[in-house]
Every structure is written in C-alpha cells, then in structure tokens.
Amino acid sequence: MTDIASIMRTAPVIPVIVIEDIAHAVPLAEALVAGGLPVLEVTLRTPAALEAIRAMRQVPGAIVGAGTVTNPAQLAQALDAGSQFIVSPGLTEPLGKAAIAAGIPFLPGIANAGDIMRGLDMGLTHFKFFPAMAAGGLPALKALAAPFGQCRFCPTGGIGLETAAEWLAFDPVLCVGGSWVSPKGAPDREVIERLAREAAALGR
C-alpha cells in the first residue's frame, strides 16, 4: 500500500483502536483481520500505543497506522514504530508538510471548507471528516463536499453499525472510521470477529 486512497478502499470500516494493555494488541488485530477489517488505526492516546503498533505489524494481513497524530514529533515516533499510514484529528501546516516529506499515506482531519482548502494547497485530496456527527453529520459533509469534487472522505466520530451504510452510500465517502468494532478491554475474539464481519459486509 503506497497511497492513502488504496488504504481507504481496502475495507468499508477502519477500526479506531485504543490500546491500554499491550497484551491486547495482537489478539485484537488478529480478530479484526480475520473478520475482514485489515486496516487498523491505533490512536496515540495511551502509553501502550506505539508498542501496540509494533506488535500489530507482525500480524499477517494487517495494515497498521497511527491515529491522533497531532505534530511532527508524534509523526516521527509513529514512523519509527512502523506505522504504514498516519491519521490526524486536524490539519496544520507543520504536520502536513512533515507527513508529505516523509512520503507516508496521510489522512488529516477536516471539519470545514477552510481545512479542505488548506489541504488542497498542500496537494492533499483525501480527508477524515471529524468529528463527523458533532460537526453536522451527513448533511454537513454533503454540503462541504459539493464545492470540492476531487476530494474523498473517511467520516469518523459518532458513527456505528446502524448509520455507517448511510454514510458509505454517499459517493465521496470511501470508508468510515469506527470504534464500535474494537471495544476497549481484553478482546473477545468471537465477538470482535463477528463485529468485523458485520462491518466488512457494508462494503459496496
């Protein structure tokens, strides 16, 4: 995988993962991949996150990236841990330039037209719409996407199995981000595989 578009098209849902205990990382990744969700976003919200990325990279079939990357220093740490893509809640010029210079697939967060225009100025066309529900939901994204036909999106934030299909039916949406497929705590493989299969079945 060398570009963010290919990664976004791999599966309809990208699990948004918070790892508190490194022992949970590999079993969770194995269950998600087995259920049909190979693209895994590990958020840098816990001390275990970077080690979790390193561990999950060893799982066959997993495409592991870092989420909640907010500055160039975190970007460097995520790359050092073996991240195959980078997701950010927003977009700043220092982070955007650093990600582009690193040549890493990059999915920055946007919530308004100014964010998208800043991204386009950097040559970026694929964005995370975040926080999706709090920022106005699907009507807001439809209004935002209208002037920017070249852009594609991964809405994240407040989306669940019940609403994901509606988002995915909107053509500029390539995938959605969701935490519902990776509940916190010790992973129950059977439950997570089932959640992953349900999510993977949303693909068009």
N, C-alpha and C. Protein backbone atom coordinates (compact mmCIF):
# COMPACT_ATOMS: atom_id res chain seq x y z
N MET A 1 0.86 -1.19 0.00
CA MET A 1 0.00 0.00 0.00
C MET A 1 0.89 1.25 0.00
N THR A 2 0.79 2.04 -1.04
CA THR A 2 1.66 3.21 -1.10
C THR A 2 0.87 4.52 -1.09
N ASP A 3 -0.44 4.47 -1.15
CA ASP A 3 -1.19 5.72 -1.14
C ASP A 3 -2.43 5.59 -0.28
N ILE A 4 -2.89 6.72 0.21
CA ILE A 4 -4.00 6.72 1.17
C ILE A 4 -5.30 6.26 0.50
N ALA A 5 -5.48 6.56 -0.79
CA ALA A 5 -6.71 6.14 -1.47
C ALA A 5 -6.85 4.62 -1.47
N SER A 6 -5.76 3.92 -1.76
CA SER A 6 -5.80 2.45 -1.77
C SER A 6 -6.12 1.90 -0.38
N ILE A 7 -5.52 2.50 0.64
CA ILE A 7 -5.78 2.05 2.00
C ILE A 7 -7.25 2.27 2.36
N MET A 8 -7.79 3.43 2.00
CA MET A 8 -9.19 3.75 2.31
C MET A 8 -10.17 2.83 1.59
N ARG A 9 -9.77 2.32 0.44
CA ARG A 9 -10.65 1.44 -0.35
C ARG A 9 -10.54 -0.03 0.05
N THR A 10 -9.64 -0.35 0.97
CA THR A 10 -9.39 -1.74 1.33
C THR A 10 -10.58 -2.38 2.03
N ALA A 11 -11.22 -1.63 2.93
CA ALA A 11 -12.39 -2.13 3.67
C ALA A 11 -13.29 -0.95 3.98
N PRO A 12 -14.59 -1.19 4.16
CA PRO A 12 -15.52 -0.07 4.38
C PRO A 12 -15.38 0.60 5.74
N VAL A 13 -14.78 -0.11 6.70
CA VAL A 13 -14.63 0.44 8.04
C VAL A 13 -13.18 0.32 8.50
N ILE A 14 -12.64 1.43 9.01
CA ILE A 14 -11.32 1.42 9.65
C ILE A 14 -11.55 1.43 11.15
N PRO A 15 -11.20 0.36 11.86
CA PRO A 15 -11.35 0.36 13.31
C PRO A 15 -10.47 1.43 13.96
N VAL A 16 -11.07 2.21 14.85
CA VAL A 16 -10.33 3.21 15.61
C VAL A 16 -10.05 2.58 16.98
N ILE A 17 -8.77 2.30 17.23
CA ILE A 17 -8.37 1.42 18.33
C ILE A 17 -7.66 2.18 19.43
N VAL A 18 -8.08 1.95 20.66
CA VAL A 18 -7.39 2.48 21.84
C VAL A 18 -6.86 1.28 22.63
N ILE A 19 -5.54 1.16 22.73
CA ILE A 19 -4.92 0.04 23.44
C ILE A 19 -4.37 0.52 24.79
N GLU A 20 -4.94 0.00 25.86
CA GLU A 20 -4.44 0.32 27.21
C GLU A 20 -3.40 -0.71 27.65
N ASP A 21 -3.59 -1.95 27.23
CA ASP A 21 -2.74 -3.06 27.66
C ASP A 21 -2.12 -3.71 26.42
N ILE A 22 -0.80 -3.69 26.33
CA ILE A 22 -0.12 -4.20 25.14
C ILE A 22 -0.47 -5.66 24.87
N ALA A 23 -0.85 -6.40 25.90
CA ALA A 23 -1.21 -7.81 25.70
C ALA A 23 -2.45 -7.97 24.84
N HIS A 24 -3.25 -6.91 24.73
CA HIS A 24 -4.48 -6.99 23.94
C HIS A 24 -4.24 -6.74 22.44
N ALA A 25 -3.08 -6.18 22.10
CA ALA A 25 -2.86 -5.67 20.74
C ALA A 25 -2.95 -6.76 19.68
N VAL A 26 -2.16 -7.81 19.81
CA VAL A 26 -2.11 -8.84 18.77
C VAL A 26 -3.42 -9.62 18.66
N PRO A 27 -4.02 -10.09 19.78
CA PRO A 27 -5.30 -10.79 19.66
C PRO A 27 -6.39 -9.94 18.99
N LEU A 28 -6.41 -8.65 19.30
CA LEU A 28 -7.40 -7.75 18.70
C LEU A 28 -7.15 -7.62 17.19
N ALA A 29 -5.90 -7.41 16.82
CA ALA A 29 -5.57 -7.27 15.41
C ALA A 29 -5.90 -8.56 14.65
N GLU A 30 -5.58 -9.70 15.22
CA GLU A 30 -5.86 -10.98 14.55
C GLU A 30 -7.36 -11.17 14.33
N ALA A 31 -8.17 -10.80 15.34
CA ALA A 31 -9.62 -10.96 15.22
C ALA A 31 -10.20 -10.02 14.16
N LEU A 32 -9.72 -8.78 14.14
CA LEU A 32 -10.22 -7.81 13.15
C LEU A 32 -9.85 -8.23 11.72
N VAL A 33 -8.60 -8.66 11.54
CA VAL A 33 -8.17 -9.10 10.21
C VAL A 33 -8.96 -10.33 9.78
N ALA A 34 -9.14 -11.27 10.70
CA ALA A 34 -9.90 -12.49 10.38
C ALA A 34 -11.34 -12.16 10.00
N GLY A 35 -11.89 -11.11 10.59
CA GLY A 35 -13.26 -10.70 10.29
C GLY A 35 -13.40 -9.87 9.03
N GLY A 36 -12.27 -9.51 8.41
CA GLY A 36 -12.33 -8.79 7.14
C GLY A 36 -12.01 -7.31 7.23
N LEU A 37 -11.44 -6.86 8.36
CA LEU A 37 -11.05 -5.44 8.50
C LEU A 37 -9.54 -5.36 8.73
N PRO A 38 -8.75 -5.33 7.66
CA PRO A 38 -7.30 -5.36 7.82
C PRO A 38 -6.65 -4.02 8.14
N VAL A 39 -7.34 -2.90 7.86
CA VAL A 39 -6.75 -1.58 8.08
C VAL A 39 -7.04 -1.16 9.52
N LEU A 40 -6.00 -0.98 10.31
CA LEU A 40 -6.15 -0.75 11.75
C LEU A 40 -5.52 0.59 12.14
N GLU A 41 -6.32 1.47 12.73
CA GLU A 41 -5.83 2.77 13.20
C GLU A 41 -5.66 2.71 14.71
N VAL A 42 -4.41 2.72 15.16
CA VAL A 42 -4.12 2.70 16.60
C VAL A 42 -3.90 4.13 17.06
N THR A 43 -4.79 4.63 17.92
CA THR A 43 -4.70 6.03 18.33
C THR A 43 -3.57 6.22 19.35
N LEU A 44 -2.85 7.32 19.20
CA LEU A 44 -1.75 7.62 20.12
C LEU A 44 -2.30 8.31 21.37
N ARG A 45 -3.26 7.66 22.03
CA ARG A 45 -3.89 8.25 23.21
C ARG A 45 -3.44 7.57 24.50
N THR A 46 -2.65 6.52 24.37
CA THR A 46 -2.22 5.78 25.56
C THR A 46 -0.72 5.50 25.49
N PRO A 47 -0.09 5.26 26.63
CA PRO A 47 1.34 4.95 26.64
C PRO A 47 1.68 3.67 25.87
N ALA A 48 0.70 2.78 25.71
CA ALA A 48 0.96 1.50 25.03
C ALA A 48 0.86 1.58 23.51
N ALA A 49 0.44 2.72 22.97
CA ALA A 49 0.08 2.81 21.55
C ALA A 49 1.23 2.46 20.61
N LEU A 50 2.39 3.05 20.82
CA LEU A 50 3.50 2.82 19.88
C LEU A 50 3.96 1.37 19.91
N GLU A 51 4.02 0.81 21.10
CA GLU A 51 4.40 -0.61 21.21
C GLU A 51 3.33 -1.49 20.56
N ALA A 52 2.07 -1.08 20.68
CA ALA A 52 0.97 -1.83 20.06
C ALA A 52 1.10 -1.83 18.54
N ILE A 53 1.49 -0.70 17.97
CA ILE A 53 1.70 -0.62 16.52
C ILE A 53 2.79 -1.60 16.09
N ARG A 54 3.89 -1.60 16.83
CA ARG A 54 4.98 -2.53 16.51
C ARG A 54 4.50 -3.98 16.55
N ALA A 55 3.72 -4.31 17.58
CA ALA A 55 3.24 -5.69 17.73
C ALA A 55 2.25 -6.06 16.63
N MET A 56 1.32 -5.16 16.33
CA MET A 56 0.28 -5.45 15.32
C MET A 56 0.87 -5.57 13.92
N ARG A 57 2.00 -4.91 13.67
CA ARG A 57 2.64 -5.03 12.36
C ARG A 57 3.06 -6.46 12.06
N GLN A 58 3.20 -7.28 13.10
CA GLN A 58 3.62 -8.67 12.91
C GLN A 58 2.45 -9.58 12.52
N VAL A 59 1.22 -9.06 12.60
CA VAL A 59 0.04 -9.88 12.29
C VAL A 59 -0.13 -9.97 10.77
N PRO A 60 -0.13 -11.17 10.20
CA PRO A 60 -0.26 -11.30 8.74
C PRO A 60 -1.54 -10.64 8.23
N GLY A 61 -1.39 -9.84 7.18
CA GLY A 61 -2.55 -9.20 6.55
C GLY A 61 -2.92 -7.86 7.14
N ALA A 62 -2.36 -7.49 8.28
CA ALA A 62 -2.73 -6.23 8.93
C ALA A 62 -2.01 -5.05 8.27
N ILE A 63 -2.74 -3.97 8.08
CA ILE A 63 -2.19 -2.69 7.60
C ILE A 63 -2.37 -1.73 8.77
N VAL A 64 -1.28 -1.39 9.45
CA VAL A 64 -1.37 -0.71 10.74
C VAL A 64 -0.90 0.74 10.64
N GLY A 65 -1.73 1.64 11.10
CA GLY A 65 -1.38 3.05 11.10
C GLY A 65 -1.57 3.67 12.46
N ALA A 66 -1.08 4.90 12.60
CA ALA A 66 -1.22 5.65 13.85
C ALA A 66 -2.28 6.72 13.68
N GLY A 67 -3.16 6.81 14.68
CA GLY A 67 -4.16 7.87 14.70
C GLY A 67 -3.87 8.85 15.81
N THR A 68 -4.62 9.96 15.83
CA THR A 68 -4.44 11.03 16.81
C THR A 68 -3.00 11.57 16.79
N VAL A 69 -2.42 11.64 15.59
CA VAL A 69 -1.10 12.25 15.42
C VAL A 69 -1.32 13.75 15.23
N THR A 70 -0.73 14.56 16.12
CA THR A 70 -1.05 15.99 16.12
C THR A 70 0.13 16.90 15.82
N ASN A 71 1.34 16.35 15.73
CA ASN A 71 2.50 17.22 15.47
C ASN A 71 3.63 16.39 14.85
N PRO A 72 4.65 17.07 14.30
CA PRO A 72 5.74 16.34 13.64
C PRO A 72 6.50 15.40 14.57
N ALA A 73 6.60 15.71 15.86
CA ALA A 73 7.32 14.82 16.79
C ALA A 73 6.58 13.49 16.93
N GLN A 74 5.25 13.56 17.06
CA GLN A 74 4.46 12.32 17.13
C GLN A 74 4.54 11.56 15.81
N LEU A 75 4.54 12.29 14.71
CA LEU A 75 4.68 11.65 13.40
C LEU A 75 5.97 10.84 13.33
N ALA A 76 7.06 11.42 13.80
CA ALA A 76 8.35 10.73 13.78
C ALA A 76 8.31 9.47 14.65
N GLN A 77 7.67 9.57 15.82
CA GLN A 77 7.54 8.40 16.70
C GLN A 77 6.71 7.30 16.03
N ALA A 78 5.63 7.71 15.37
CA ALA A 78 4.75 6.75 14.71
C ALA A 78 5.47 6.05 13.56
N LEU A 79 6.25 6.80 12.82
CA LEU A 79 7.01 6.20 11.71
C LEU A 79 8.06 5.23 12.26
N ASP A 80 8.70 5.62 13.34
CA ASP A 80 9.72 4.77 13.96
C ASP A 80 9.12 3.45 14.46
N ALA A 81 7.84 3.51 14.85
CA ALA A 81 7.14 2.30 15.33
C ALA A 81 6.67 1.42 14.19
N GLY A 82 6.81 1.91 12.95
CA GLY A 82 6.43 1.09 11.80
C GLY A 82 5.07 1.40 11.21
N SER A 83 4.51 2.54 11.55
CA SER A 83 3.18 2.90 11.02
C SER A 83 3.19 2.94 9.49
N GLN A 84 2.13 2.37 8.91
CA GLN A 84 2.03 2.33 7.44
C GLN A 84 1.17 3.45 6.89
N PHE A 85 0.47 4.15 7.77
CA PHE A 85 -0.27 5.35 7.40
C PHE A 85 -0.46 6.18 8.65
N ILE A 86 -0.84 7.44 8.44
CA ILE A 86 -0.98 8.40 9.55
C ILE A 86 -2.35 9.06 9.47
N VAL A 87 -3.05 9.12 10.61
CA VAL A 87 -4.34 9.80 10.69
C VAL A 87 -4.24 10.90 11.75
N SER A 88 -4.76 12.07 11.42
CA SER A 88 -4.72 13.19 12.36
C SER A 88 -6.13 13.72 12.58
N PRO A 89 -6.44 14.24 13.79
CA PRO A 89 -7.77 14.82 14.01
C PRO A 89 -7.96 16.16 13.29
N GLY A 90 -6.86 16.79 12.88
CA GLY A 90 -6.94 18.08 12.19
C GLY A 90 -5.79 18.21 11.23
N LEU A 91 -5.58 19.42 10.71
CA LEU A 91 -4.52 19.65 9.74
C LEU A 91 -3.81 20.96 10.04
N THR A 92 -2.53 20.86 10.37
CA THR A 92 -1.69 22.05 10.49
C THR A 92 -0.63 22.00 9.41
N GLU A 93 -0.08 23.15 9.08
CA GLU A 93 0.95 23.19 8.05
C GLU A 93 2.20 22.40 8.45
N PRO A 94 2.69 22.53 9.71
CA PRO A 94 3.88 21.76 10.08
C PRO A 94 3.66 20.25 9.97
N LEU A 95 2.51 19.77 10.43
CA LEU A 95 2.25 18.33 10.36
C LEU A 95 2.07 17.88 8.91
N GLY A 96 1.30 18.64 8.15
CA GLY A 96 1.06 18.29 6.75
C GLY A 96 2.36 18.22 5.96
N LYS A 97 3.21 19.23 6.13
CA LYS A 97 4.48 19.25 5.39
C LYS A 97 5.38 18.09 5.82
N ALA A 98 5.38 17.78 7.12
CA ALA A 98 6.23 16.69 7.61
C ALA A 98 5.75 15.35 7.06
N ALA A 99 4.44 15.14 7.02
CA ALA A 99 3.89 13.88 6.51
C ALA A 99 4.18 13.73 5.02
N ILE A 100 4.02 14.81 4.28
CA ILE A 100 4.27 14.77 2.84
C ILE A 100 5.76 14.51 2.58
N ALA A 101 6.63 15.17 3.36
CA ALA A 101 8.07 14.98 3.20
C ALA A 101 8.47 13.54 3.51
N ALA A 102 7.76 12.91 4.46
CA ALA A 102 8.07 11.53 4.84
C ALA A 102 7.57 10.53 3.81
N GLY A 103 6.66 10.98 2.93
CA GLY A 103 6.13 10.09 1.91
C GLY A 103 5.18 9.04 2.45
N ILE A 104 4.58 9.31 3.61
CA ILE A 104 3.69 8.35 4.26
C ILE A 104 2.24 8.65 3.87
N PRO A 105 1.41 7.63 3.60
CA PRO A 105 -0.01 7.89 3.37
C PRO A 105 -0.60 8.64 4.56
N PHE A 106 -1.28 9.75 4.29
CA PHE A 106 -1.68 10.70 5.33
C PHE A 106 -3.15 11.05 5.19
N LEU A 107 -3.90 10.91 6.29
CA LEU A 107 -5.32 11.23 6.31
C LEU A 107 -5.57 12.28 7.39
N PRO A 108 -5.52 13.56 7.02
CA PRO A 108 -5.73 14.62 8.01
C PRO A 108 -7.21 14.89 8.25
N GLY A 109 -7.52 15.36 9.44
CA GLY A 109 -8.90 15.68 9.78
C GLY A 109 -9.31 17.04 9.27
N ILE A 110 -10.56 17.12 8.81
CA ILE A 110 -11.13 18.41 8.38
C ILE A 110 -12.55 18.52 8.96
N ALA A 111 -12.98 19.75 9.21
CA ALA A 111 -14.35 19.97 9.69
C ALA A 111 -15.03 21.12 8.98
N ASN A 112 -14.30 21.80 8.09
CA ASN A 112 -14.89 22.96 7.38
C ASN A 112 -14.15 23.20 6.06
N ALA A 113 -14.67 24.14 5.28
CA ALA A 113 -14.10 24.39 3.96
C ALA A 113 -12.67 24.92 4.03
N GLY A 114 -12.38 25.72 5.05
CA GLY A 114 -11.02 26.24 5.19
C GLY A 114 -10.00 25.14 5.39
N ASP A 115 -10.38 24.12 6.18
CA ASP A 115 -9.50 22.97 6.38
C ASP A 115 -9.21 22.27 5.06
N ILE A 116 -10.27 22.05 4.27
CA ILE A 116 -10.10 21.36 2.98
C ILE A 116 -9.21 22.17 2.06
N MET A 117 -9.43 23.49 2.02
CA MET A 117 -8.63 24.35 1.14
C MET A 117 -7.17 24.34 1.55
N ARG A 118 -6.90 24.30 2.86
CA ARG A 118 -5.52 24.22 3.34
C ARG A 118 -4.89 22.91 2.86
N GLY A 119 -5.66 21.83 2.95
CA GLY A 119 -5.16 20.54 2.48
C GLY A 119 -4.90 20.53 0.98
N LEU A 120 -5.84 21.08 0.22
CA LEU A 120 -5.67 21.13 -1.23
C LEU A 120 -4.42 21.93 -1.61
N ASP A 121 -4.15 23.01 -0.87
CA ASP A 121 -2.95 23.81 -1.13
C ASP A 121 -1.68 22.98 -0.95
N MET A 122 -1.76 21.94 -0.11
CA MET A 122 -0.60 21.07 0.11
C MET A 122 -0.59 19.88 -0.84
N GLY A 123 -1.62 19.79 -1.70
CA GLY A 123 -1.68 18.67 -2.63
C GLY A 123 -2.43 17.47 -2.09
N LEU A 124 -3.16 17.65 -0.97
CA LEU A 124 -3.92 16.55 -0.36
C LEU A 124 -5.36 16.56 -0.85
N THR A 125 -5.93 15.39 -1.09
CA THR A 125 -7.32 15.31 -1.55
C THR A 125 -8.17 14.33 -0.75
N HIS A 126 -7.54 13.60 0.17
CA HIS A 126 -8.27 12.61 0.97
C HIS A 126 -8.23 13.02 2.44
N PHE A 127 -9.42 13.08 3.05
CA PHE A 127 -9.53 13.66 4.38
C PHE A 127 -10.41 12.82 5.30
N LYS A 128 -10.14 12.96 6.59
CA LYS A 128 -11.01 12.41 7.64
C LYS A 128 -11.98 13.53 8.02
N PHE A 129 -13.28 13.28 7.91
CA PHE A 129 -14.28 14.27 8.35
C PHE A 129 -14.54 14.01 9.82
N PHE A 130 -14.08 14.94 10.68
CA PHE A 130 -14.08 14.69 12.12
C PHE A 130 -14.33 15.98 12.90
N PRO A 131 -15.12 15.91 13.98
CA PRO A 131 -15.93 14.79 14.45
C PRO A 131 -17.23 14.72 13.66
N ALA A 132 -17.45 13.61 12.98
CA ALA A 132 -18.49 13.54 11.94
C ALA A 132 -19.88 13.94 12.43
N MET A 133 -20.34 13.34 13.50
CA MET A 133 -21.70 13.65 13.97
C MET A 133 -21.76 15.02 14.61
N ALA A 134 -20.79 15.35 15.44
CA ALA A 134 -20.78 16.64 16.13
C ALA A 134 -20.62 17.80 15.15
N ALA A 135 -19.98 17.54 14.00
CA ALA A 135 -19.75 18.58 13.00
C ALA A 135 -20.92 18.74 12.03
N GLY A 136 -22.02 18.04 12.31
CA GLY A 136 -23.22 18.24 11.49
C GLY A 136 -23.70 17.02 10.74
N GLY A 137 -22.99 15.89 10.89
CA GLY A 137 -23.47 14.66 10.28
C GLY A 137 -23.36 14.65 8.77
N LEU A 138 -24.11 13.73 8.16
CA LEU A 138 -24.05 13.55 6.71
C LEU A 138 -24.49 14.80 5.94
N PRO A 139 -25.54 15.52 6.38
CA PRO A 139 -25.90 16.75 5.65
C PRO A 139 -24.75 17.75 5.58
N ALA A 140 -23.98 17.85 6.66
CA ALA A 140 -22.85 18.78 6.66
C ALA A 140 -21.78 18.34 5.67
N LEU A 141 -21.48 17.03 5.64
CA LEU A 141 -20.47 16.54 4.71
C LEU A 141 -20.92 16.72 3.26
N LYS A 142 -22.20 16.48 3.00
CA LYS A 142 -22.70 16.67 1.63
C LYS A 142 -22.54 18.12 1.19
N ALA A 143 -22.84 19.04 2.09
CA ALA A 143 -22.68 20.46 1.76
C ALA A 143 -21.21 20.82 1.56
N LEU A 144 -20.35 20.27 2.41
CA LEU A 144 -18.91 20.54 2.32
C LEU A 144 -18.30 19.95 1.06
N ALA A 145 -18.72 18.73 0.73
CA ALA A 145 -18.11 18.03 -0.40
C ALA A 145 -18.48 18.66 -1.74
N ALA A 146 -19.64 19.34 -1.79
CA ALA A 146 -20.15 19.84 -3.07
C ALA A 146 -19.15 20.72 -3.84
N PRO A 147 -18.48 21.68 -3.21
CA PRO A 147 -17.53 22.51 -3.97
C PRO A 147 -16.18 21.84 -4.22
N PHE A 148 -15.97 20.66 -3.64
CA PHE A 148 -14.66 20.01 -3.71
C PHE A 148 -14.80 18.61 -4.29
N GLY A 149 -15.17 18.55 -5.57
CA GLY A 149 -15.46 17.26 -6.21
C GLY A 149 -14.29 16.31 -6.29
N GLN A 150 -13.07 16.85 -6.19
CA GLN A 150 -11.89 15.99 -6.27
C GLN A 150 -11.56 15.31 -4.95
N CYS A 151 -12.27 15.65 -3.87
CA CYS A 151 -11.92 15.16 -2.54
C CYS A 151 -12.71 13.91 -2.15
N ARG A 152 -12.07 13.07 -1.36
CA ARG A 152 -12.71 11.87 -0.83
C ARG A 152 -12.54 11.85 0.69
N PHE A 153 -13.46 11.16 1.38
CA PHE A 153 -13.55 11.32 2.83
C PHE A 153 -13.70 10.01 3.58
N CYS A 154 -13.23 10.04 4.84
CA CYS A 154 -13.46 8.98 5.81
C CYS A 154 -14.09 9.63 7.05
N PRO A 155 -15.43 9.67 7.13
CA PRO A 155 -16.07 10.25 8.31
C PRO A 155 -15.78 9.40 9.55
N THR A 156 -15.49 10.06 10.65
CA THR A 156 -15.17 9.38 11.91
C THR A 156 -15.72 10.21 13.07
N GLY A 157 -16.31 9.52 14.04
CA GLY A 157 -16.80 10.21 15.23
C GLY A 157 -18.30 10.10 15.37
N GLY A 158 -18.75 9.17 16.21
CA GLY A 158 -20.18 9.01 16.45
C GLY A 158 -20.88 8.11 15.46
N ILE A 159 -20.13 7.41 14.61
CA ILE A 159 -20.72 6.52 13.61
C ILE A 159 -20.73 5.09 14.15
N GLY A 160 -21.85 4.39 13.95
CA GLY A 160 -21.97 2.99 14.37
C GLY A 160 -22.47 2.13 13.24
N LEU A 161 -22.68 0.86 13.53
CA LEU A 161 -23.15 -0.07 12.51
C LEU A 161 -24.46 0.38 11.89
N GLU A 162 -25.34 0.96 12.72
CA GLU A 162 -26.68 1.35 12.25
C GLU A 162 -26.63 2.50 11.25
N THR A 163 -25.63 3.37 11.36
CA THR A 163 -25.58 4.56 10.50
C THR A 163 -24.49 4.49 9.42
N ALA A 164 -23.57 3.54 9.53
CA ALA A 164 -22.42 3.50 8.62
C ALA A 164 -22.85 3.37 7.15
N ALA A 165 -23.86 2.54 6.89
CA ALA A 165 -24.27 2.29 5.50
C ALA A 165 -24.74 3.57 4.81
N GLU A 166 -25.42 4.42 5.58
CA GLU A 166 -25.92 5.68 5.01
C GLU A 166 -24.75 6.57 4.58
N TRP A 167 -23.72 6.63 5.41
CA TRP A 167 -22.52 7.40 5.05
C TRP A 167 -21.84 6.79 3.82
N LEU A 168 -21.70 5.47 3.81
CA LEU A 168 -20.99 4.80 2.73
C LEU A 168 -21.72 4.91 1.39
N ALA A 169 -23.02 5.16 1.44
CA ALA A 169 -23.80 5.31 0.21
C ALA A 169 -23.52 6.65 -0.48
N PHE A 170 -22.89 7.58 0.22
CA PHE A 170 -22.54 8.88 -0.36
C PHE A 170 -21.21 8.72 -1.10
N ASP A 171 -21.23 8.95 -2.40
CA ASP A 171 -20.11 8.58 -3.28
C ASP A 171 -18.73 9.07 -2.83
N PRO A 172 -18.58 10.31 -2.35
CA PRO A 172 -17.24 10.76 -1.94
C PRO A 172 -16.70 10.08 -0.69
N VAL A 173 -17.53 9.29 0.00
CA VAL A 173 -17.08 8.57 1.19
C VAL A 173 -16.53 7.21 0.79
N LEU A 174 -15.24 7.00 1.04
CA LEU A 174 -14.59 5.72 0.69
C LEU A 174 -14.67 4.71 1.82
N CYS A 175 -14.72 5.20 3.06
CA CYS A 175 -14.80 4.33 4.23
C CYS A 175 -15.22 5.19 5.41
N VAL A 176 -15.52 4.54 6.52
CA VAL A 176 -15.79 5.27 7.76
C VAL A 176 -14.86 4.76 8.85
N GLY A 177 -14.60 5.61 9.83
CA GLY A 177 -13.83 5.18 10.99
C GLY A 177 -14.80 4.85 12.11
N GLY A 178 -14.51 3.77 12.85
CA GLY A 178 -15.43 3.40 13.92
C GLY A 178 -14.75 2.68 15.06
N SER A 179 -15.13 3.03 16.28
CA SER A 179 -14.57 2.35 17.45
C SER A 179 -15.46 1.19 17.89
N TRP A 180 -16.67 1.08 17.32
CA TRP A 180 -17.59 0.03 17.78
C TRP A 180 -17.08 -1.37 17.48
N VAL A 181 -16.20 -1.49 16.48
CA VAL A 181 -15.69 -2.83 16.13
C VAL A 181 -14.51 -3.26 17.00
N SER A 182 -14.02 -2.35 17.82
CA SER A 182 -12.88 -2.69 18.69
C SER A 182 -13.13 -2.19 20.10
N PRO A 183 -14.07 -2.83 20.82
CA PRO A 183 -14.39 -2.39 22.17
C PRO A 183 -13.16 -2.44 23.07
N LYS A 184 -13.11 -1.51 24.03
CA LYS A 184 -11.97 -1.46 24.95
C LYS A 184 -11.94 -2.70 25.84
N GLY A 185 -10.75 -2.97 26.35
CA GLY A 185 -10.60 -4.10 27.27
C GLY A 185 -10.06 -5.34 26.57
N ALA A 186 -10.01 -6.43 27.32
CA ALA A 186 -9.48 -7.68 26.77
C ALA A 186 -10.35 -8.14 25.60
N PRO A 187 -9.75 -8.39 24.44
CA PRO A 187 -10.55 -8.75 23.26
C PRO A 187 -11.18 -10.14 23.36
N ASP A 188 -12.48 -10.19 23.09
CA ASP A 188 -13.19 -11.46 22.95
C ASP A 188 -13.18 -11.77 21.46
N ARG A 189 -12.34 -12.71 21.06
CA ARG A 189 -12.10 -12.95 19.63
C ARG A 189 -13.40 -13.21 18.87
N GLU A 190 -14.27 -14.03 19.45
CA GLU A 190 -15.52 -14.38 18.76
C GLU A 190 -16.38 -13.14 18.52
N VAL A 191 -16.50 -12.30 19.54
CA VAL A 191 -17.31 -11.08 19.44
C VAL A 191 -16.71 -10.12 18.41
N ILE A 192 -15.40 -9.91 18.49
CA ILE A 192 -14.76 -8.94 17.59
C ILE A 192 -14.77 -9.42 16.15
N GLU A 193 -14.56 -10.71 15.94
CA GLU A 193 -14.67 -11.24 14.57
C GLU A 193 -16.07 -11.01 14.00
N ARG A 194 -17.09 -11.23 14.84
CA ARG A 194 -18.47 -11.03 14.39
C ARG A 194 -18.71 -9.56 14.04
N LEU A 195 -18.27 -8.65 14.92
CA LEU A 195 -18.42 -7.22 14.66
C LEU A 195 -17.70 -6.82 13.38
N ALA A 196 -16.50 -7.39 13.18
CA ALA A 196 -15.72 -7.08 11.98
C ALA A 196 -16.40 -7.59 10.72
N ARG A 197 -16.96 -8.82 10.79
CA ARG A 197 -17.66 -9.37 9.61
C ARG A 197 -18.87 -8.52 9.25
N GLU A 198 -19.62 -8.09 10.27
CA GLU A 198 -20.78 -7.21 10.02
C GLU A 198 -20.35 -5.92 9.35
N ALA A 199 -19.26 -5.36 9.84
CA ALA A 199 -18.76 -4.09 9.28
C ALA A 199 -18.22 -4.29 7.86
N ALA A 200 -17.48 -5.38 7.66
CA ALA A 200 -16.90 -5.65 6.33
C ALA A 200 -18.01 -5.86 5.29
N ALA A 201 -19.14 -6.38 5.73
CA ALA A 201 -20.26 -6.65 4.82
C ALA A 201 -20.92 -5.36 4.31
N LEU A 202 -20.59 -4.23 4.93
CA LEU A 202 -21.14 -2.95 4.48
C LEU A 202 -20.52 -2.49 3.16
N GLY A 203 -19.43 -3.14 2.75
CA GLY A 203 -18.73 -2.74 1.53
C GLY A 203 -19.62 -2.89 0.31
N ARG A 204 -19.46 -1.92 -0.60
CA ARG A 204 -20.29 -1.96 -1.81
C ARG A 204 -19.71 -2.94 -2.83
